[in-house]
Amino acid sequence: MSDYQIELADSLTIHHIEELYGNLKIAFQSDAETYTISAAGVESIDTSGLQALLALVKNAIQNQKQILWDSPSEALTSGASKLGLTEKLRLA
């Protein structure tokens, strides 16, 4: 099983979203069966950051790929929870 590792930056806000989208675009193009998202260092996230992650998760599901979270930070899990995205992001 091939795995694609995505390391999230400490800030996933609208000001940094272009870099995140670039990294996710590369992930979308890979032939990996599993995406492992390392999220321990995420210190701040806004709706734009959560939307980008949701796009990755939706794309993975549509293409029968698996998402694994590696140590999602409190900022990420709290932000997702506030917007009701915990299940959709597969954090739970």
C-alpha atoms as a PDB file:
ATOM      1  CA  MET A   1       0.000   0.000   0.000  1.00  0.00           C
ATOM      2  CA  SER A   2       1.453   3.353  -1.009  1.00  0.00           C
ATOM      3  CA  ASP A   3       1.273   6.246   1.412  1.00  0.00           C
ATOM      4  CA  TYR A   4       1.528   9.993   0.833  1.00  0.00           C
ATOM      5  CA  GLN A   5       2.665  12.036   3.838  1.00  0.00           C
ATOM      6  CA  ILE A   6       1.289  15.564   4.180  1.00  0.00           C
ATOM      7  CA  GLU A   7       2.963  17.768   6.788  1.00  0.00           C
ATOM      8  CA  LEU A   8       0.733  20.689   7.741  1.00  0.00           C
ATOM      9  CA  ALA A   9       2.229  24.079   8.556  1.00  0.00           C
ATOM     10  CA  ASP A  10       1.710  25.789  11.897  1.00  0.00           C
ATOM     11  CA  SER A  11      -0.667  28.352  10.388  1.00  0.00           C
ATOM     12  CA  LEU A  12      -3.520  27.286   8.099  1.00  0.00           C
ATOM     13  CA  THR A  13      -5.243  30.622   7.647  1.00  0.00           C
ATOM     14  CA  ILE A  14      -6.359  32.570   4.617  1.00  0.00           C
ATOM     15  CA  HIS A  15      -2.958  34.306   4.564  1.00  0.00           C
ATOM     16  CA  HIS A  16      -1.172  30.973   4.083  1.00  0.00           C
ATOM     17  CA  ILE A  17      -3.762  29.054   2.101  1.00  0.00           C
ATOM     18  CA  GLU A  18      -2.019  29.347  -1.277  1.00  0.00           C
ATOM     19  CA  GLU A  19       0.882  27.201  -0.051  1.00  0.00           C
ATOM     20  CA  LEU A  20      -1.516  24.666   1.450  1.00  0.00           C
ATOM     21  CA  TYR A  21      -3.480  24.423  -1.808  1.00  0.00           C
ATOM     22  CA  GLY A  22      -0.216  23.889  -3.681  1.00  0.00           C
ATOM     23  CA  ASN A  23       0.757  21.034  -1.387  1.00  0.00           C
ATOM     24  CA  LEU A  24      -2.705  19.499  -1.601  1.00  0.00           C
ATOM     25  CA  LYS A  25      -2.647  19.734  -5.396  1.00  0.00           C
ATOM     26  CA  ILE A  26       0.533  17.635  -5.399  1.00  0.00           C
ATOM     27  CA  ALA A  27      -1.171  15.138  -3.091  1.00  0.00           C
ATOM     28  CA  PHE A  28      -4.176  14.936  -5.422  1.00  0.00           C
ATOM     29  CA  GLN A  29      -1.858  14.017  -8.289  1.00  0.00           C
ATOM     30  CA  SER A  30      -0.160  11.165  -6.455  1.00  0.00           C
ATOM     31  CA  ASP A  31      -1.198   7.552  -6.895  1.00  0.00           C
ATOM     32  CA  ALA A  32      -1.118   6.944  -3.143  1.00  0.00           C
ATOM     33  CA  GLU A  33      -3.770   4.744  -1.575  1.00  0.00           C
ATOM     34  CA  THR A  34      -3.457   6.385   1.839  1.00  0.00           C
ATOM     35  CA  TYR A  35      -2.882   9.999   2.854  1.00  0.00           C
ATOM     36  CA  THR A  36      -1.324  10.479   6.285  1.00  0.00           C
ATOM     37  CA  ILE A  37      -1.782  14.033   7.509  1.00  0.00           C
ATOM     38  CA  SER A  38       0.689  15.162  10.179  1.00  0.00           C
ATOM     39  CA  ALA A  39      -1.089  17.924  12.060  1.00  0.00           C
ATOM     40  CA  ALA A  40       0.608  18.140  15.454  1.00  0.00           C
ATOM     41  CA  GLY A  41       2.158  21.532  14.685  1.00  0.00           C
ATOM     42  CA  VAL A  42      -1.013  23.336  13.618  1.00  0.00           C
ATOM     43  CA  GLU A  43      -1.313  26.349  15.936  1.00  0.00           C
ATOM     44  CA  SER A  44      -3.908  28.393  14.056  1.00  0.00           C
ATOM     45  CA  ILE A  45      -6.544  27.469  11.500  1.00  0.00           C
ATOM     46  CA  ASP A  46      -9.488  29.301  10.017  1.00  0.00           C
ATOM     47  CA  THR A  47     -12.380  28.411   7.760  1.00  0.00           C
ATOM     48  CA  SER A  48     -10.171  28.590   4.655  1.00  0.00           C
ATOM     49  CA  GLY A  49      -7.729  26.083   6.096  1.00  0.00           C
ATOM     50  CA  LEU A  50     -10.507  23.741   7.152  1.00  0.00           C
ATOM     51  CA  GLN A  51     -12.079  24.073   3.690  1.00  0.00           C
ATOM     52  CA  ALA A  52      -8.807  23.046   2.037  1.00  0.00           C
ATOM     53  CA  LEU A  53      -8.524  20.004   4.298  1.00  0.00           C
ATOM     54  CA  LEU A  54     -12.153  19.121   3.619  1.00  0.00           C
ATOM     55  CA  ALA A  55     -11.448  19.249  -0.130  1.00  0.00           C
ATOM     56  CA  LEU A  56      -8.578  16.785   0.361  1.00  0.00           C
ATOM     57  CA  VAL A  57     -10.716  14.421   2.420  1.00  0.00           C
ATOM     58  CA  LYS A  58     -13.621  14.573  -0.060  1.00  0.00           C
ATOM     59  CA  ASN A  59     -11.272  13.943  -2.977  1.00  0.00           C
ATOM     60  CA  ALA A  60      -9.704  11.003  -1.177  1.00  0.00           C
ATOM     61  CA  ILE A  61     -13.097   9.460  -0.413  1.00  0.00           C
ATOM     62  CA  GLN A  62     -14.313   9.937  -3.994  1.00  0.00           C
ATOM     63  CA  ASN A  63     -11.194   8.157  -5.230  1.00  0.00           C
ATOM     64  CA  GLN A  64     -11.448   5.373  -2.637  1.00  0.00           C
ATOM     65  CA  LYS A  65      -8.377   6.551  -0.735  1.00  0.00           C
ATOM     66  CA  GLN A  66      -7.858   6.443   3.005  1.00  0.00           C
ATOM     67  CA  ILE A  67      -7.144   9.419   5.295  1.00  0.00           C
ATOM     68  CA  LEU A  68      -5.107   8.912   8.468  1.00  0.00           C
ATOM     69  CA  TRP A  69      -4.467  11.730  10.921  1.00  0.00           C
ATOM     70  CA  ASP A  70      -1.170  11.831  12.787  1.00  0.00           C
ATOM     71  CA  SER A  71      -1.573  13.746  16.062  1.00  0.00           C
ATOM     72  CA  PRO A  72      -4.059  16.467  15.083  1.00  0.00           C
ATOM     73  CA  SER A  73      -3.483  19.517  17.268  1.00  0.00           C
ATOM     74  CA  GLU A  74      -5.996  21.029  19.649  1.00  0.00           C
ATOM     75  CA  ALA A  75      -6.335  24.063  17.341  1.00  0.00           C
ATOM     76  CA  LEU A  76      -7.306  21.810  14.430  1.00  0.00           C
ATOM     77  CA  THR A  77      -9.714  19.581  16.334  1.00  0.00           C
ATOM     78  CA  SER A  78     -11.307  22.545  18.108  1.00  0.00           C
ATOM     79  CA  GLY A  79     -11.735  24.501  14.869  1.00  0.00           C
ATOM     80  CA  ALA A  80     -13.265  21.495  13.125  1.00  0.00           C
ATOM     81  CA  SER A  81     -15.583  20.867  16.050  1.00  0.00           C
ATOM     82  CA  LYS A  82     -16.816  24.479  16.139  1.00  0.00           C
ATOM     83  CA  LEU A  83     -17.828  24.226  12.473  1.00  0.00           C
ATOM     84  CA  GLY A  84     -19.271  20.729  12.743  1.00  0.00           C
ATOM     85  CA  LEU A  85     -16.575  19.226  10.516  1.00  0.00           C
ATOM     86  CA  THR A  86     -15.103  16.600  12.827  1.00  0.00           C
ATOM     87  CA  GLU A  87     -16.822  13.677  11.124  1.00  0.00           C
ATOM     88  CA  LYS A  88     -16.469  15.036   7.577  1.00  0.00           C
ATOM     89  CA  LEU A  89     -12.737  15.478   8.121  1.00  0.00           C
ATOM     90  CA  ARG A  90     -12.574  11.953   9.560  1.00  0.00           C
ATOM     91  CA  LEU A  91     -11.059  13.268  12.797  1.00  0.00           C
ATOM     92  CA  ALA A  92     -13.380  11.177  14.965  1.00  0.00           C
END
